[in-house]
Amino acid sequence: MSLTIPSDTRRPIFTARWQRWRVGLFNSPLNAVVSCLALAAVAWIVTGFLRWAAIDATWSGTVQDCQANGGACWAFVRANIKLMVFATYPLDLLWRPSASLVLLTGLILASMAPRLWGRTLALAWVLTPVVVCLLLGGFLSGRSVSTNDWGGLPLTLLIATIAFAAAFVVAIPLALGRRSTMGGTRLVSIGIIELIRGMPMLVVLYVSSLIVPMMLPSFEINLFFSTEVALTIFVACYLAEVLRAGIQALPAGQTEAARALGLSHWQATRLVTLPQALRTVIPALVNLGIGVILSTPLVAGIGMIDFLSAVKIAASNEQVWPGCYNEAYLFAAAIYLAMCFGASRYSLWLERRLKVSPGHQAER
C-alpha cells in the first residue's frame, strides 16, 4: 500500500513563517498602512546610512579628502588603528599586545569547544592570564613596561577574562554559604553579597584604587591589581546569585540520590549538583559575561585606558582629524557587537547541544 503525503506537509517551512508575518503585519487595512510606513522609514534610514558609510565614504587619504567626499571618514580608522587597539603601549613593542590578543582569543575559542573541557583547559585559564601579564610587563623578554601603559583591546579582554574566571573561585563558596544550614556562614555570605550588589561598580573601583591605598599608606598597591580584585569581588557576588538560582532549580531528588549512592555532601555537590546547576544557568552566565565586557569602560574612571578610552583619545585629536567621532565610536561598537553577539549565539548553540530530552532523562 502506497503512502500519500498530504500536500500541505510538502510546503517549505518558510511559507508558514511568511504567513505568520503577513497575518501579523497586514491583517487589516490600518495595520497594512502602518507596516508600509514603518518599512519605508526603515528603508530610508538604511539607505541613507549605507550611502554615508559605504558609497560616499573615504577609505584612504587625508582629512581633506574626507571633507570633500562628505561621507564616512574610514581613513581616520586606518590611520589611528594602532592607537585605538593598543592605546599608549610603546610602538616598537606592539608585538607583545598582539601576541596577548592571540593568546586570550585562543583561550576563549578553545573554551567554546565542549570536547576540550577538562583539567587541561582549567589549567590554561590559570596560566594564560599569567603569561599575558608577564608578556605585557616585559618579564619574558626585553624591557619592562609599566601597567600604566597597558591599554586598549588587550587590557579590556585581560581584565574581563581574569575577573570572570577568578569570580568562580569566590562565587561558588558564597553561593553554597548562602544556602548553608549554619547560621554564621549564611549570614556572612548574605552580608557580602548584598553589600557588594548594593553598590555601583564604579564605587567599588574607587574604593579599591583610592580608599584602600589611603588606609594602607605603607603598602604600594598596583592599580591593575587593585582593579582586578575589585572587579573579581563585584562579579563574584552577581555570579553567586546566578549559581544559587541554578542549584535551587534542581530537583531535591538529585541530591538525595547522590547521598543514597554513598557520596558525601561535598562529593554530591562537586559531581552532581554543581555540574547540573552550571548547565541550567548557561544563559545567565553568558549574559553576565557580556555585562562584564561592556562594563570594562568604567575603569577609565580610575585612570586606566581601556579599549573605549583609547578610541575616545583617538577621536579627540581635532587638530589632525576633526569631527571623526562617528567613525571612531562605530568602530568601537562593531568590536563590542562582534564579541557580544558571538557570545549570545554560542550560548544558544550550547543550550541546544547540552539539552537532554525528558525521555532520555527517564531512561537514565
Protein backbone atom coordinates (compact mmCIF):
# COMPACT_ATOMS: atom_id res chain seq x y z
CA MET A 1 0.00 0.00 0.00
CA SER A 2 1.43 3.36 -1.01
CA LEU A 3 1.70 6.17 1.47
CA THR A 4 0.35 9.51 0.30
CA ILE A 5 1.92 12.57 1.86
CA PRO A 6 -0.55 15.42 2.36
CA SER A 7 0.12 18.34 0.10
CA ASP A 8 0.40 20.84 2.98
CA THR A 9 3.31 18.91 4.54
CA ARG A 10 5.35 19.32 1.37
CA ARG A 11 5.35 23.11 1.66
CA PRO A 12 8.62 24.63 2.81
CA ILE A 13 8.72 25.84 6.37
CA PHE A 14 9.46 29.42 5.35
CA THR A 15 5.99 29.60 3.75
CA ALA A 16 4.33 29.16 7.14
CA ARG A 17 6.67 31.71 8.66
CA TRP A 18 5.89 34.21 5.91
CA GLN A 19 2.21 33.64 6.51
CA ARG A 20 2.65 34.47 10.18
CA TRP A 21 4.45 37.67 9.23
CA ARG A 22 1.73 38.54 6.74
CA VAL A 23 -1.04 37.94 9.26
CA GLY A 24 0.77 40.00 11.89
CA LEU A 25 1.61 42.96 9.66
CA PHE A 26 -1.13 43.10 7.04
CA ASN A 27 -4.21 41.56 8.68
CA SER A 28 -6.20 44.80 8.41
CA PRO A 29 -6.09 47.98 6.30
CA LEU A 30 -4.80 50.03 9.24
CA ASN A 31 -2.05 47.52 10.05
CA ALA A 32 -1.08 47.42 6.38
CA VAL A 33 -0.73 51.21 6.22
CA VAL A 34 1.28 51.35 9.45
CA SER A 35 3.51 48.47 8.33
CA CYS A 36 4.20 50.08 4.95
CA LEU A 37 5.07 53.41 6.59
CA ALA A 38 7.39 51.67 9.06
CA LEU A 39 9.10 49.67 6.32
CA ALA A 40 9.51 52.82 4.23
CA ALA A 41 11.09 54.64 7.19
CA VAL A 42 13.47 51.73 7.81
CA ALA A 43 14.41 51.61 4.12
CA TRP A 44 15.04 55.38 4.10
CA ILE A 45 17.26 55.19 7.20
CA VAL A 46 19.20 52.15 5.94
CA THR A 47 19.69 53.70 2.50
CA GLY A 48 20.98 56.93 3.99
CA PHE A 49 23.34 55.08 6.31
CA LEU A 50 24.72 52.91 3.51
CA ARG A 51 25.29 55.98 1.35
CA TRP A 52 27.18 57.69 4.18
CA ALA A 53 29.07 54.59 5.37
CA ALA A 54 29.95 52.99 2.03
CA ILE A 55 29.05 54.83 -1.16
CA ASP A 56 30.33 58.32 -0.25
CA ALA A 57 32.90 57.08 2.29
CA THR A 58 36.61 57.78 2.13
CA TRP A 59 38.64 54.66 2.77
CA SER A 60 42.11 56.16 2.44
CA GLY A 61 43.62 59.60 2.19
CA THR A 62 43.63 62.71 4.32
CA VAL A 63 41.04 64.66 6.25
CA GLN A 64 40.67 66.97 3.24
CA ASP A 65 39.63 64.01 1.09
CA CYS A 66 37.04 63.06 3.71
CA GLN A 67 35.62 66.57 3.81
CA ALA A 68 35.44 66.67 0.01
CA ASN A 69 33.50 63.40 -0.28
CA GLY A 70 31.13 64.13 2.60
CA GLY A 71 30.74 60.52 3.68
CA ALA A 72 32.29 58.47 6.44
CA CYS A 73 35.99 59.01 7.01
CA TRP A 74 37.25 55.48 7.40
CA ALA A 75 40.72 56.78 6.59
CA PHE A 76 40.71 58.04 10.19
CA VAL A 77 40.29 54.46 11.44
CA ARG A 78 43.14 53.23 9.26
CA ALA A 79 45.42 56.00 10.50
CA ASN A 80 44.58 55.52 14.18
CA ILE A 81 44.03 51.77 14.37
CA LYS A 82 47.13 51.17 16.49
CA LEU A 83 46.17 53.86 18.98
CA MET A 84 42.60 52.59 19.29
CA VAL A 85 43.55 48.94 19.68
CA PHE A 86 46.75 49.18 21.72
CA ALA A 87 46.41 52.64 23.35
CA THR A 88 49.71 54.06 24.68
CA TYR A 89 51.76 50.86 24.58
CA PRO A 90 55.23 51.53 23.07
CA LEU A 91 55.06 51.30 19.30
CA ASP A 92 58.28 49.32 18.97
CA LEU A 93 56.87 46.61 21.27
CA LEU A 94 53.43 46.16 19.75
CA TRP A 95 54.15 42.50 19.11
CA ARG A 96 53.57 41.91 22.83
CA PRO A 97 49.94 43.12 22.97
CA SER A 98 49.36 41.49 19.58
CA ALA A 99 50.54 38.16 20.97
CA SER A 100 48.43 38.77 24.07
CA LEU A 101 45.34 39.24 21.92
CA VAL A 102 46.09 35.98 20.12
CA LEU A 103 46.55 34.10 23.42
CA LEU A 104 43.36 35.47 25.00
CA THR A 105 41.31 34.94 21.85
CA GLY A 106 42.64 31.40 21.50
CA LEU A 107 41.75 30.66 25.13
CA ILE A 108 38.20 31.89 24.62
CA LEU A 109 37.76 29.97 21.35
CA ALA A 110 39.15 26.79 22.91
CA SER A 111 36.69 27.16 25.78
CA MET A 112 33.82 27.17 23.29
CA ALA A 113 34.52 23.54 22.29
CA PRO A 114 32.89 21.18 24.83
CA ARG A 115 35.22 18.34 23.88
CA LEU A 116 38.14 20.38 25.25
CA TRP A 117 36.55 20.92 28.65
CA GLY A 118 38.65 19.37 31.36
CA ARG A 119 41.59 19.90 33.65
CA THR A 120 43.87 20.99 30.82
CA LEU A 121 41.53 23.82 29.85
CA ALA A 122 41.09 24.81 33.50
CA LEU A 123 44.88 24.98 33.83
CA ALA A 124 45.00 27.09 30.66
CA TRP A 125 42.57 29.56 32.23
CA VAL A 126 45.01 29.94 35.11
CA LEU A 127 48.23 30.10 33.12
CA THR A 128 47.18 32.17 30.09
CA PRO A 129 46.36 35.39 32.01
CA VAL A 130 49.60 34.99 33.95
CA VAL A 131 51.60 34.60 30.73
CA VAL A 132 49.82 37.60 29.19
CA CYS A 133 50.62 39.76 32.24
CA LEU A 134 54.26 38.69 32.12
CA LEU A 135 54.38 39.33 28.38
CA LEU A 136 52.84 42.80 28.60
CA GLY A 137 55.06 43.69 31.52
CA GLY A 138 58.20 42.62 29.69
CA PHE A 139 59.22 39.98 32.20
CA LEU A 140 59.61 37.36 29.48
CA SER A 141 61.63 39.43 27.02
CA GLY A 142 63.04 42.90 26.54
CA ARG A 143 62.48 45.99 28.62
CA SER A 144 59.73 46.26 31.17
CA VAL A 145 56.54 48.23 30.55
CA SER A 146 54.53 49.69 33.43
CA THR A 147 50.93 48.61 33.88
CA ASN A 148 50.01 52.28 33.42
CA ASP A 149 50.96 51.89 29.75
CA TRP A 150 48.78 48.84 29.25
CA GLY A 151 45.59 49.67 27.45
CA GLY A 152 43.28 49.21 24.52
CA LEU A 153 41.64 45.97 23.50
CA PRO A 154 44.23 43.68 25.16
CA LEU A 155 43.57 45.36 28.52
CA THR A 156 39.81 45.08 28.06
CA LEU A 157 39.99 41.35 27.32
CA LEU A 158 42.55 40.74 30.05
CA ILE A 159 40.66 42.38 32.90
CA ALA A 160 37.36 40.84 31.78
CA THR A 161 38.91 37.36 31.47
CA ILE A 162 40.66 37.46 34.84
CA ALA A 163 37.64 38.92 36.63
CA PHE A 164 35.19 36.39 35.19
CA ALA A 165 37.45 33.38 35.74
CA ALA A 166 38.56 34.35 39.25
CA ALA A 167 34.97 35.17 40.18
CA PHE A 168 34.09 31.45 40.11
CA VAL A 169 36.60 30.80 42.88
CA VAL A 170 34.81 33.32 45.10
CA ALA A 171 31.26 32.83 43.86
CA ILE A 172 30.94 29.08 44.48
CA PRO A 173 31.72 29.32 48.23
CA LEU A 174 29.40 32.35 48.50
CA ALA A 175 26.56 30.53 46.74
CA LEU A 176 26.99 27.42 48.87
CA GLY A 177 27.42 29.54 52.00
CA ARG A 178 24.17 31.38 51.37
CA ARG A 179 22.35 28.04 51.21
CA SER A 180 24.20 26.64 54.23
CA THR A 181 22.32 25.50 57.33
CA MET A 182 25.00 27.09 59.52
CA GLY A 183 23.70 30.47 60.56
CA GLY A 184 27.06 32.23 60.79
CA THR A 185 28.22 31.11 57.36
CA ARG A 186 24.88 32.00 55.80
CA LEU A 187 24.79 35.48 57.40
CA VAL A 188 28.35 36.28 56.32
CA SER A 189 27.64 35.17 52.74
CA ILE A 190 24.41 37.15 52.59
CA GLY A 191 26.14 40.23 54.01
CA ILE A 192 28.96 40.17 51.47
CA ILE A 193 26.65 39.55 48.52
CA GLU A 194 24.09 42.19 49.43
CA LEU A 195 26.75 44.77 50.33
CA ILE A 196 28.58 44.49 47.01
CA ARG A 197 25.40 44.16 44.93
CA GLY A 198 24.07 47.28 46.60
CA MET A 199 26.91 49.44 45.24
CA PRO A 200 27.62 50.54 41.65
CA MET A 201 30.72 49.06 40.07
CA LEU A 202 32.34 52.48 39.84
CA VAL A 203 32.07 52.89 43.63
CA VAL A 204 33.77 49.52 44.15
CA LEU A 205 36.56 50.57 41.77
CA TYR A 206 37.03 53.87 43.61
CA VAL A 207 37.21 52.08 46.95
CA SER A 208 39.85 49.63 45.71
CA SER A 209 42.00 52.20 43.90
CA LEU A 210 41.70 55.24 46.18
CA ILE A 211 40.36 54.44 49.64
CA VAL A 212 42.21 51.17 50.26
CA PRO A 213 45.65 52.69 49.40
CA MET A 214 44.84 55.57 51.78
CA MET A 215 44.06 53.06 54.52
CA LEU A 216 47.34 51.23 53.85
CA PRO A 217 49.87 54.03 53.24
CA SER A 218 52.86 51.80 53.94
CA PHE A 219 51.95 49.46 51.04
CA GLU A 220 52.22 50.36 47.37
CA ILE A 221 49.20 48.81 45.67
CA ASN A 222 49.36 48.40 41.90
CA LEU A 223 46.40 49.96 40.09
CA PHE A 224 45.93 46.98 37.79
CA PHE A 225 45.98 44.56 40.73
CA SER A 226 43.51 46.59 42.78
CA THR A 227 41.19 46.89 39.76
CA GLU A 228 41.22 43.14 39.18
CA VAL A 229 40.46 42.44 42.84
CA ALA A 230 37.55 44.88 42.81
CA LEU A 231 36.10 43.51 39.58
CA THR A 232 36.52 39.92 40.76
CA ILE A 233 34.63 40.56 44.01
CA PHE A 234 31.93 42.55 42.22
CA VAL A 235 31.36 39.91 39.53
CA ALA A 236 31.56 37.08 42.09
CA CYS A 237 28.63 38.45 44.08
CA TYR A 238 26.41 38.51 41.00
CA LEU A 239 27.72 35.13 39.89
CA ALA A 240 26.96 33.67 43.32
CA GLU A 241 23.29 34.57 42.92
CA VAL A 242 23.24 33.02 39.44
CA LEU A 243 24.74 29.79 40.76
CA ARG A 244 22.40 29.75 43.75
CA ALA A 245 19.42 30.04 41.42
CA GLY A 246 20.74 27.12 39.35
CA ILE A 247 21.23 24.97 42.46
CA GLN A 248 17.76 25.75 43.78
CA ALA A 249 16.24 24.88 40.39
CA LEU A 250 17.47 21.28 40.65
CA PRO A 251 15.02 18.68 41.98
CA ALA A 252 15.74 17.61 45.54
CA GLY A 253 15.86 14.01 44.34
CA GLN A 254 19.19 14.63 42.63
CA THR A 255 20.99 15.27 45.91
CA GLU A 256 19.08 12.53 47.70
CA ALA A 257 20.02 10.01 45.02
CA ALA A 258 23.67 11.02 45.24
CA ARG A 259 23.66 10.61 49.02
CA ALA A 260 21.91 7.25 48.67
CA LEU A 261 24.77 6.09 46.45
CA GLY A 262 27.18 6.77 49.27
CA LEU A 263 28.56 10.12 48.16
CA SER A 264 29.44 12.64 50.83
CA HIS A 265 27.95 16.12 50.88
CA TRP A 266 30.94 17.65 49.13
CA GLN A 267 31.18 14.82 46.59
CA ALA A 268 27.49 15.20 45.75
CA THR A 269 27.94 18.94 45.38
CA ARG A 270 31.02 18.65 43.17
CA LEU A 271 29.92 15.73 41.00
CA VAL A 272 26.13 16.11 40.82
CA THR A 273 24.80 19.47 41.97
CA LEU A 274 27.25 21.98 40.52
CA PRO A 275 27.59 20.44 37.00
CA GLN A 276 23.81 20.38 36.56
CA ALA A 277 23.40 23.86 38.05
CA LEU A 278 26.00 25.28 35.67
CA ARG A 279 24.23 23.73 32.69
CA THR A 280 20.93 25.20 33.87
CA VAL A 281 22.26 28.76 34.14
CA ILE A 282 24.19 28.91 30.86
CA PRO A 283 22.09 31.85 29.54
CA ALA A 284 22.60 33.78 32.75
CA LEU A 285 26.35 33.07 32.71
CA VAL A 286 26.70 34.33 29.15
CA ASN A 287 24.61 37.39 29.99
CA LEU A 288 26.85 38.10 32.97
CA GLY A 289 29.98 37.65 30.85
CA ILE A 290 28.64 40.11 28.28
CA GLY A 291 27.88 42.54 31.09
CA VAL A 292 31.45 42.27 32.38
CA ILE A 293 32.88 43.10 28.95
CA LEU A 294 30.53 46.04 28.48
CA SER A 295 31.34 47.34 31.98
CA THR A 296 35.09 47.47 31.46
CA PRO A 297 34.98 51.12 30.21
CA LEU A 298 34.27 52.10 33.81
CA VAL A 299 37.94 51.51 34.63
CA ALA A 300 38.61 54.77 32.80
CA GLY A 301 37.20 56.50 35.88
CA ILE A 302 40.24 55.41 37.91
CA GLY A 303 42.85 56.21 35.28
CA MET A 304 43.12 53.07 33.16
CA ILE A 305 42.91 53.26 29.36
CA ASP A 306 40.62 50.52 28.12
CA PHE A 307 39.55 49.99 24.52
CA LEU A 308 36.75 52.58 24.56
CA SER A 309 39.01 55.14 26.27
CA ALA A 310 41.66 54.63 23.58
CA VAL A 311 39.01 55.18 20.90
CA LYS A 312 37.94 58.38 22.63
CA ILE A 313 41.54 59.61 22.77
CA ALA A 314 41.95 58.98 19.04
CA ALA A 315 38.70 60.76 18.21
CA SER A 316 39.57 63.79 20.34
CA ASN A 317 42.53 64.70 18.10
CA GLU A 318 40.65 67.57 16.48
CA GLN A 319 43.75 69.19 15.04
CA VAL A 320 44.57 66.31 12.69
CA TRP A 321 41.22 64.51 12.29
CA PRO A 322 38.39 66.90 13.19
CA GLY A 323 34.86 65.61 13.51
CA CYS A 324 35.57 61.86 13.34
CA TYR A 325 33.64 60.85 16.46
CA ASN A 326 31.01 58.91 14.48
CA GLU A 327 33.58 56.74 12.74
CA ALA A 328 35.52 56.13 15.97
CA TYR A 329 32.53 55.05 18.02
CA LEU A 330 31.08 52.99 15.17
CA PHE A 331 34.38 51.11 15.04
CA ALA A 332 34.21 50.52 18.80
CA ALA A 333 30.57 49.47 18.53
CA ALA A 334 31.43 46.95 15.81
CA ILE A 335 34.11 45.36 18.02
CA TYR A 336 31.82 45.14 21.04
CA LEU A 337 28.95 43.85 18.89
CA ALA A 338 31.13 41.12 17.39
CA MET A 339 32.15 39.90 20.85
CA CYS A 340 28.72 40.09 22.48
CA PHE A 341 26.67 38.81 19.54
CA GLY A 342 29.08 35.92 19.08
CA ALA A 343 28.73 35.06 22.76
CA SER A 344 24.94 35.12 22.60
CA ARG A 345 24.81 32.86 19.52
CA TYR A 346 27.27 30.47 21.14
CA SER A 347 25.04 30.37 24.22
CA LEU A 348 22.06 29.30 22.10
CA TRP A 349 24.14 26.63 20.35
CA LEU A 350 25.47 25.31 23.66
CA GLU A 351 21.99 25.15 25.16
CA ARG A 352 20.78 23.01 22.26
CA ARG A 353 23.87 20.78 22.45
CA LEU A 354 23.60 20.15 26.18
CA LYS A 355 19.85 19.78 26.21
CA VAL A 356 18.70 16.33 27.34
CA SER A 357 15.28 15.15 26.29
CA PRO A 358 12.79 14.12 29.02
CA GLY A 359 12.63 10.59 27.64
CA HIS A 360 16.41 10.22 27.79
CA GLN A 361 16.40 11.56 31.35
CA ALA A 362 13.77 8.99 32.30
CA GLU A 363 15.83 6.17 30.80
CA ARG A 364 18.84 7.31 32.76
